[in-house]
PDB file of N, CA and C in Angstrom:
ATOM      1  N   MET A   1      34.634  -0.066  -0.097  1.00  0.00           N
ATOM      2  CA  MET A   1      33.972  -1.341   0.043  1.00  0.00           C
ATOM      3  C   MET A   1      33.948  -2.000  -1.342  1.00  0.00           C
ATOM      4  N   ASN A   2      34.430  -3.235  -1.423  1.00  0.00           N
ATOM      5  CA  ASN A   2      34.462  -3.879  -2.732  1.00  0.00           C
ATOM      6  C   ASN A   2      33.116  -4.563  -3.039  1.00  0.00           C
ATOM      7  N   GLU A   3      32.986  -5.043  -4.251  1.00  0.00           N
ATOM      8  CA  GLU A   3      31.702  -5.592  -4.709  1.00  0.00           C
ATOM      9  C   GLU A   3      31.284  -6.833  -3.920  1.00  0.00           C
ATOM     10  N   GLY A   4      32.240  -7.677  -3.550  1.00  0.00           N
ATOM     11  CA  GLY A   4      31.909  -8.876  -2.779  1.00  0.00           C
ATOM     12  C   GLY A   4      31.319  -8.542  -1.418  1.00  0.00           C
ATOM     13  N   THR A   5      31.890  -7.546  -0.772  1.00  0.00           N
ATOM     14  CA  THR A   5      31.380  -7.110   0.529  1.00  0.00           C
ATOM     15  C   THR A   5      30.000  -6.490   0.375  1.00  0.00           C
ATOM     16  N   ARG A   6      29.815  -5.677  -0.644  1.00  0.00           N
ATOM     17  CA  ARG A   6      28.498  -5.070  -0.895  1.00  0.00           C
ATOM     18  C   ARG A   6      27.436  -6.136  -1.115  1.00  0.00           C
ATOM     19  N   ARG A   7      27.780  -7.139  -1.905  1.00  0.00           N
ATOM     20  CA  ARG A   7      26.805  -8.192  -2.184  1.00  0.00           C
ATOM     21  C   ARG A   7      26.457  -8.962  -0.914  1.00  0.00           C
ATOM     22  N   ALA A   8      27.464  -9.257  -0.086  1.00  0.00           N
ATOM     23  CA  ALA A   8      27.228  -9.984   1.163  1.00  0.00           C
ATOM     24  C   ALA A   8      26.344  -9.173   2.113  1.00  0.00           C
ATOM     25  N   VAL A   9      26.633  -7.885   2.233  1.00  0.00           N
ATOM     26  CA  VAL A   9      25.823  -7.025   3.102  1.00  0.00           C
ATOM     27  C   VAL A   9      24.412  -6.913   2.558  1.00  0.00           C
ATOM     28  N   ARG A  10      24.287  -6.759   1.239  1.00  0.00           N
ATOM     29  CA  ARG A  10      22.967  -6.646   0.607  1.00  0.00           C
ATOM     30  C   ARG A  10      22.137  -7.901   0.845  1.00  0.00           C
ATOM     31  N   GLU A  11      22.736  -9.063   0.700  1.00  0.00           N
ATOM     32  CA  GLU A  11      22.006 -10.315   0.924  1.00  0.00           C
ATOM     33  C   GLU A  11      21.584 -10.457   2.382  1.00  0.00           C
ATOM     34  N   ARG A  12      22.463 -10.056   3.294  1.00  0.00           N
ATOM     35  CA  ARG A  12      22.127 -10.112   4.721  1.00  0.00           C
ATOM     36  C   ARG A  12      20.981  -9.153   5.047  1.00  0.00           C
ATOM     37  N   LEU A  13      21.006  -7.972   4.465  1.00  0.00           N
ATOM     38  CA  LEU A  13      19.927  -7.013   4.690  1.00  0.00           C
ATOM     39  C   LEU A  13      18.605  -7.505   4.121  1.00  0.00           C
ATOM     40  N   LYS A  14      18.656  -8.215   3.000  1.00  0.00           N
ATOM     41  CA  LYS A  14      17.426  -8.792   2.439  1.00  0.00           C
ATOM     42  C   LYS A  14      16.831  -9.808   3.393  1.00  0.00           C
ATOM     43  N   LEU A  15      17.685 -10.611   4.031  1.00  0.00           N
ATOM     44  CA  LEU A  15      17.197 -11.574   5.015  1.00  0.00           C
ATOM     45  C   LEU A  15      16.594 -10.874   6.232  1.00  0.00           C
ATOM     46  N   ILE A  16      17.231  -9.811   6.674  1.00  0.00           N
ATOM     47  CA  ILE A  16      16.704  -9.044   7.810  1.00  0.00           C
ATOM     48  C   ILE A  16      15.361  -8.426   7.448  1.00  0.00           C
ATOM     49  N   LEU A  17      15.235  -7.891   6.237  1.00  0.00           N
ATOM     50  CA  LEU A  17      13.973  -7.309   5.781  1.00  0.00           C
ATOM     51  C   LEU A  17      12.878  -8.369   5.731  1.00  0.00           C
ATOM     52  N   GLU A  18      13.211  -9.526   5.218  1.00  0.00           N
ATOM     53  CA  GLU A  18      12.248 -10.630   5.155  1.00  0.00           C
ATOM     54  C   GLU A  18      11.775 -11.004   6.563  1.00  0.00           C
ATOM     55  N   ASN A  19      12.700 -11.039   7.512  1.00  0.00           N
ATOM     56  CA  ASN A  19      12.360 -11.366   8.893  1.00  0.00           C
ATOM     57  C   ASN A  19      11.457 -10.291   9.502  1.00  0.00           C
ATOM     58  N   GLU A  20      11.747  -9.026   9.232  1.00  0.00           N
ATOM     59  CA  GLU A  20      10.904  -7.927   9.726  1.00  0.00           C
ATOM     60  C   GLU A  20       9.480  -8.057   9.191  1.00  0.00           C
ATOM     61  N   GLN A  21       9.351  -8.406   7.928  1.00  0.00           N
ATOM     62  CA  GLN A  21       8.031  -8.545   7.335  1.00  0.00           C
ATOM     63  C   GLN A  21       7.267  -9.720   7.933  1.00  0.00           C
ATOM     64  N   LYS A  22       7.955 -10.804   8.242  1.00  0.00           N
ATOM     65  CA  LYS A  22       7.312 -11.939   8.908  1.00  0.00           C
ATOM     66  C   LYS A  22       6.814 -11.545  10.293  1.00  0.00           C
ATOM     67  N   GLU A  23       7.659 -10.808  11.030  1.00  0.00           N
ATOM     68  CA  GLU A  23       7.264 -10.363  12.360  1.00  0.00           C
ATOM     69  C   GLU A  23       6.047  -9.450  12.294  1.00  0.00           C
ATOM     70  N   PHE A  24       5.988  -8.583  11.282  1.00  0.00           N
ATOM     71  CA  PHE A  24       4.836  -7.688  11.164  1.00  0.00           C
ATOM     72  C   PHE A  24       3.574  -8.465  10.806  1.00  0.00           C
ATOM     73  N   ARG A  25       3.688  -9.456   9.949  1.00  0.00           N
ATOM     74  CA  ARG A  25       2.512 -10.282   9.625  1.00  0.00           C
ATOM     75  C   ARG A  25       1.996 -10.993  10.867  1.00  0.00           C
ATOM     76  N   TYR A  26       2.926 -11.480  11.709  1.00  0.00           N
ATOM     77  CA  TYR A  26       2.527 -12.100  12.964  1.00  0.00           C
ATOM     78  C   TYR A  26       1.828 -11.076  13.860  1.00  0.00           C
ATOM     79  N   PHE A  27       2.378  -9.864  13.919  1.00  0.00           N
ATOM     80  CA  PHE A  27       1.780  -8.801  14.713  1.00  0.00           C
ATOM     81  C   PHE A  27       0.362  -8.508  14.234  1.00  0.00           C
ATOM     82  N   GLU A  28       0.182  -8.387  12.918  1.00  0.00           N
ATOM     83  CA  GLU A  28      -1.146  -8.094  12.377  1.00  0.00           C
ATOM     84  C   GLU A  28      -2.131  -9.226  12.647  1.00  0.00           C
ATOM     85  N   ASP A  29      -1.667 -10.453  12.553  1.00  0.00           N
ATOM     86  CA  ASP A  29      -2.561 -11.599  12.715  1.00  0.00           C
ATOM     87  C   ASP A  29      -2.972 -11.848  14.156  1.00  0.00           C
ATOM     88  N   SER A  30      -2.071 -11.636  15.109  1.00  0.00           N
ATOM     89  CA  SER A  30      -2.399 -12.077  16.457  1.00  0.00           C
ATOM     90  C   SER A  30      -2.338 -10.998  17.530  1.00  0.00           C
ATOM     91  N   VAL A  31      -1.555  -9.978  17.360  1.00  0.00           N
ATOM     92  CA  VAL A  31      -1.352  -9.024  18.450  1.00  0.00           C
ATOM     93  C   VAL A  31      -2.120  -7.727  18.236  1.00  0.00           C
ATOM     94  N   LYS A  32      -2.289  -7.297  17.011  1.00  0.00           N
ATOM     95  CA  LYS A  32      -2.833  -5.971  16.716  1.00  0.00           C
ATOM     96  C   LYS A  32      -4.203  -5.739  17.345  1.00  0.00           C
ATOM     97  N   GLU A  33      -5.069  -6.714  17.293  1.00  0.00           N
ATOM     98  CA  GLU A  33      -6.414  -6.510  17.826  1.00  0.00           C
ATOM     99  C   GLU A  33      -6.436  -6.419  19.354  1.00  0.00           C
ATOM    100  N   LYS A  34      -5.361  -6.841  20.004  1.00  0.00           N
ATOM    101  CA  LYS A  34      -5.300  -6.779  21.468  1.00  0.00           C
ATOM    102  C   LYS A  34      -4.839  -5.412  21.963  1.00  0.00           C
ATOM    103  N   LEU A  35      -4.240  -4.625  21.086  1.00  0.00           N
ATOM    104  CA  LEU A  35      -3.732  -3.303  21.468  1.00  0.00           C
ATOM    105  C   LEU A  35      -4.754  -2.227  21.147  1.00  0.00           C
ATOM    106  N   ASN A  36      -4.624  -1.095  21.832  1.00  0.00           N
ATOM    107  CA  ASN A  36      -5.508   0.013  21.464  1.00  0.00           C
ATOM    108  C   ASN A  36      -5.034   0.608  20.140  1.00  0.00           C
ATOM    109  N   LEU A  37      -5.864   1.422  19.547  1.00  0.00           N
ATOM    110  CA  LEU A  37      -5.624   1.922  18.193  1.00  0.00           C
ATOM    111  C   LEU A  37      -4.337   2.743  18.094  1.00  0.00           C
ATOM    112  N   THR A  38      -4.092   3.601  19.085  1.00  0.00           N
ATOM    113  CA  THR A  38      -2.909   4.458  19.049  1.00  0.00           C
ATOM    114  C   THR A  38      -1.632   3.634  19.099  1.00  0.00           C
ATOM    115  N   ARG A  39      -1.573   2.666  19.984  1.00  0.00           N
ATOM    116  CA  ARG A  39      -0.380   1.822  20.110  1.00  0.00           C
ATOM    117  C   ARG A  39      -0.172   0.983  18.845  1.00  0.00           C
ATOM    118  N   ALA A  40      -1.251   0.459  18.270  1.00  0.00           N
ATOM    119  CA  ALA A  40      -1.139  -0.337  17.046  1.00  0.00           C
ATOM    120  C   ALA A  40      -0.582   0.500  15.899  1.00  0.00           C
ATOM    121  N   ARG A  41      -1.044   1.735  15.791  1.00  0.00           N
ATOM    122  CA  ARG A  41      -0.536   2.623  14.734  1.00  0.00           C
ATOM    123  C   ARG A  41       0.938   2.960  14.958  1.00  0.00           C
ATOM    124  N   GLN A  42       1.305   3.148  16.221  1.00  0.00           N
ATOM    125  CA  GLN A  42       2.696   3.453  16.547  1.00  0.00           C
ATOM    126  C   GLN A  42       3.618   2.299  16.144  1.00  0.00           C
ATOM    127  N   VAL A  43       3.214   1.079  16.458  1.00  0.00           N
ATOM    128  CA  VAL A  43       4.015  -0.092  16.095  1.00  0.00           C
ATOM    129  C   VAL A  43       4.097  -0.214  14.574  1.00  0.00           C
ATOM    130  N   GLU A  44       2.991   0.045  13.893  1.00  0.00           N
ATOM    131  CA  GLU A  44       2.980  -0.042  12.436  1.00  0.00           C
ATOM    132  C   GLU A  44       3.898   1.012  11.807  1.00  0.00           C
ATOM    133  N   ARG A  45       3.891   2.230  12.346  1.00  0.00           N
ATOM    134  CA  ARG A  45       4.783   3.283  11.830  1.00  0.00           C
ATOM    135  C   ARG A  45       6.242   2.898  12.022  1.00  0.00           C
ATOM    136  N   ARG A  46       6.570   2.360  13.192  1.00  0.00           N
ATOM    137  CA  ARG A  46       7.957   1.940  13.443  1.00  0.00           C
ATOM    138  C   ARG A  46       8.373   0.830  12.489  1.00  0.00           C
ATOM    139  N   PHE A  47       7.473  -0.118  12.254  1.00  0.00           N
ATOM    140  CA  PHE A  47       7.758  -1.185  11.301  1.00  0.00           C
ATOM    141  C   PHE A  47       8.028  -0.598   9.914  1.00  0.00           C
ATOM    142  N   ASN A  48       7.173   0.308   9.480  1.00  0.00           N
ATOM    143  CA  ASN A  48       7.334   0.904   8.153  1.00  0.00           C
ATOM    144  C   ASN A  48       8.652   1.659   8.025  1.00  0.00           C
ATOM    145  N   LYS A  49       9.042   2.373   9.080  1.00  0.00           N
ATOM    146  CA  LYS A  49      10.310   3.101   9.040  1.00  0.00           C
ATOM    147  C   LYS A  49      11.492   2.146   8.906  1.00  0.00           C
ATOM    148  N   ARG A  50      11.475   1.053   9.679  1.00  0.00           N
ATOM    149  CA  ARG A  50      12.575   0.087   9.604  1.00  0.00           C
ATOM    150  C   ARG A  50      12.636  -0.553   8.227  1.00  0.00           C
ATOM    151  N   CYS A  51      11.486  -0.946   7.703  1.00  0.00           N
ATOM    152  CA  CYS A  51      11.462  -1.598   6.387  1.00  0.00           C
ATOM    153  C   CYS A  51      11.921  -0.648   5.290  1.00  0.00           C
ATOM    154  N   GLN A  52      11.466   0.591   5.321  1.00  0.00           N
ATOM    155  CA  GLN A  52      11.864   1.548   4.299  1.00  0.00           C
ATOM    156  C   GLN A  52      13.353   1.845   4.381  1.00  0.00           C
ATOM    157  N   ALA A  53      13.883   1.936   5.589  1.00  0.00           N
ATOM    158  CA  ALA A  53      15.323   2.177   5.740  1.00  0.00           C
ATOM    159  C   ALA A  53      16.118   1.013   5.149  1.00  0.00           C
ATOM    160  N   LEU A  54      15.680  -0.209   5.422  1.00  0.00           N
ATOM    161  CA  LEU A  54      16.367  -1.374   4.863  1.00  0.00           C
ATOM    162  C   LEU A  54      16.271  -1.382   3.341  1.00  0.00           C
ATOM    163  N   LYS A  55      15.095  -1.055   2.806  1.00  0.00           N
ATOM    164  CA  LYS A  55      14.915  -1.043   1.355  1.00  0.00           C
ATOM    165  C   LYS A  55      15.814   0.004   0.693  1.00  0.00           C
ATOM    166  N   ILE A  56      15.950   1.157   1.327  1.00  0.00           N
ATOM    167  CA  ILE A  56      16.792   2.212   0.761  1.00  0.00           C
ATOM    168  C   ILE A  56      18.257   1.786   0.751  1.00  0.00           C
ATOM    169  N   VAL A  57      18.729   1.191   1.843  1.00  0.00           N
ATOM    170  CA  VAL A  57      20.126   0.753   1.903  1.00  0.00           C
ATOM    171  C   VAL A  57      20.373  -0.368   0.890  1.00  0.00           C
ATOM    172  N   ILE A  58      19.438  -1.302   0.779  1.00  0.00           N
ATOM    173  CA  ILE A  58      19.572  -2.375  -0.212  1.00  0.00           C
ATOM    174  C   ILE A  58      19.642  -1.781  -1.614  1.00  0.00           C
ATOM    175  N   PHE A  59      18.803  -0.787  -1.889  1.00  0.00           N
ATOM    176  CA  PHE A  59      18.791  -0.137  -3.193  1.00  0.00           C
ATOM    177  C   PHE A  59      20.133   0.538  -3.465  1.00  0.00           C
ATOM    178  N   LYS A  60      20.673   1.226  -2.463  1.00  0.00           N
ATOM    179  CA  LYS A  60      21.949   1.926  -2.642  1.00  0.00           C
ATOM    180  C   LYS A  60      23.107   0.950  -2.838  1.00  0.00           C
ATOM    181  N   LEU A  61      23.029  -0.231  -2.245  1.00  0.00           N
ATOM    182  CA  LEU A  61      24.107  -1.218  -2.388  1.00  0.00           C
ATOM    183  C   LEU A  61      24.001  -2.028  -3.675  1.00  0.00           C
ATOM    184  N   THR A  62      22.871  -1.935  -4.354  1.00  0.00           N
ATOM    185  CA  THR A  62      22.686  -2.674  -5.603  1.00  0.00           C
ATOM    186  C   THR A  62      23.405  -1.933  -6.744  1.00  0.00           C
ATOM    187  N   PRO A  63      24.181  -2.648  -7.546  1.00  0.00           N
ATOM    188  CA  PRO A  63      24.835  -1.993  -8.690  1.00  0.00           C
ATOM    189  C   PRO A  63      23.800  -1.355  -9.626  1.00  0.00           C
ATOM    190  N   TYR A  64      24.195  -0.268 -10.243  1.00  0.00           N
ATOM    191  CA  TYR A  64      23.275   0.521 -11.064  1.00  0.00           C
ATOM    192  C   TYR A  64      22.585  -0.309 -12.143  1.00  0.00           C
ATOM    193  N   MET A  65      23.299  -1.175 -12.793  1.00  0.00           N
ATOM    194  CA  MET A  65      22.725  -1.959 -13.897  1.00  0.00           C
ATOM    195  C   MET A  65      21.766  -3.042 -13.411  1.00  0.00           C
ATOM    196  N   GLU A  66      21.823  -3.411 -12.131  1.00  0.00           N
ATOM    197  CA  GLU A  66      20.949  -4.453 -11.599  1.00  0.00           C
ATOM    198  C   GLU A  66      19.701  -3.898 -10.916  1.00  0.00           C
ATOM    199  N   ARG A  67      19.574  -2.606 -10.846  1.00  0.00           N
ATOM    200  CA  ARG A  67      18.414  -1.999 -10.179  1.00  0.00           C
ATOM    201  C   ARG A  67      17.187  -2.144 -11.055  1.00  0.00           C
ATOM    202  N   THR A  68      16.208  -2.885 -10.550  1.00  0.00           N
ATOM    203  CA  THR A  68      14.983  -3.096 -11.311  1.00  0.00           C
ATOM    204  C   THR A  68      13.804  -2.343 -10.711  1.00  0.00           C
ATOM    205  N   ASP A  69      13.859  -2.044  -9.426  1.00  0.00           N
ATOM    206  CA  ASP A  69      12.765  -1.351  -8.759  1.00  0.00           C
ATOM    207  C   ASP A  69      12.991   0.154  -8.792  1.00  0.00           C
ATOM    208  N   ASP A  70      11.928   0.885  -8.500  1.00  0.00           N
ATOM    209  CA  ASP A  70      12.052   2.323  -8.344  1.00  0.00           C
ATOM    210  C   ASP A  70      12.733   2.630  -7.017  1.00  0.00           C
ATOM    211  N   VAL A  71      13.135   3.847  -6.861  1.00  0.00           N
ATOM    212  CA  VAL A  71      13.747   4.262  -5.605  1.00  0.00           C
ATOM    213  C   VAL A  71      12.690   4.161  -4.508  1.00  0.00           C
ATOM    214  N   PRO A  72      13.008   3.481  -3.397  1.00  0.00           N
ATOM    215  CA  PRO A  72      12.032   3.394  -2.311  1.00  0.00           C
ATOM    216  C   PRO A  72      11.721   4.783  -1.759  1.00  0.00           C
ATOM    217  N   SER A  73      10.457   5.001  -1.447  1.00  0.00           N
ATOM    218  CA  SER A  73      10.061   6.306  -0.933  1.00  0.00           C
ATOM    219  C   SER A  73      10.401   6.425   0.539  1.00  0.00           C
ATOM    220  N   ILE A  74      10.607   7.633   0.959  1.00  0.00           N
ATOM    221  CA  ILE A  74      10.892   7.908   2.359  1.00  0.00           C
ATOM    222  C   ILE A  74       9.585   8.322   3.028  1.00  0.00           C
ATOM    223  N   ILE A  75       9.278   7.704   4.155  1.00  0.00           N
ATOM    224  CA  ILE A  75       8.047   8.022   4.878  1.00  0.00           C
ATOM    225  C   ILE A  75       8.276   9.296   5.672  1.00  0.00           C
ATOM    226  N   VAL A  76       7.395  10.252   5.494  1.00  0.00           N
ATOM    227  CA  VAL A  76       7.501  11.519   6.194  1.00  0.00           C
ATOM    228  C   VAL A  76       6.427  11.560   7.262  1.00  0.00           C
ATOM    229  N   LYS A  77       6.835  11.985   8.454  1.00  0.00           N
ATOM    230  CA  LYS A  77       5.895  12.071   9.565  1.00  0.00           C
ATOM    231  C   LYS A  77       4.850  13.134   9.257  1.00  0.00           C
ATOM    232  N   LYS A  78       3.591  12.784   9.460  1.00  0.00           N
ATOM    233  CA  LYS A  78       2.511  13.737   9.228  1.00  0.00           C
ATOM    234  C   LYS A  78       2.368  14.638  10.448  1.00  0.00           C
ATOM    235  N   GLY A  79       2.157  15.906  10.197  1.00  0.00           N
ATOM    236  CA  GLY A  79       1.975  16.858  11.278  1.00  0.00           C
ATOM    237  C   GLY A  79       0.569  16.786  11.842  1.00  0.00           C
ATOM    238  N   LYS A  80       0.387  17.370  13.007  1.00  0.00           N
ATOM    239  CA  LYS A  80      -0.942  17.406  13.623  1.00  0.00           C
ATOM    240  C   LYS A  80      -1.816  18.383  12.876  1.00  0.00           C
ATOM    241  N   LYS A  81      -3.074  18.060  12.773  1.00  0.00           N
ATOM    242  CA  LYS A  81      -4.014  18.941  12.063  1.00  0.00           C
ATOM    243  C   LYS A  81      -4.688  19.880  13.011  1.00  0.00           C
TER     244      LYS A  81
END
């Protein structure tokens, strides 16, 4: 994959990430209080997984010298207590 393709994919992924974050803000503002607690947490976990996956791919597609952020963390599922 050449640099032009990487940059195009990276920019597209940034737009997708921005859209995901807008959708989650809408969810928090208007839908979250209508759902029960378990379902709201489930939707929030799924959102976080999608966002973190996008952030990791964007980070990997960014050239080494242009990386300004730390490596995005991977969310690990918590076990039952």
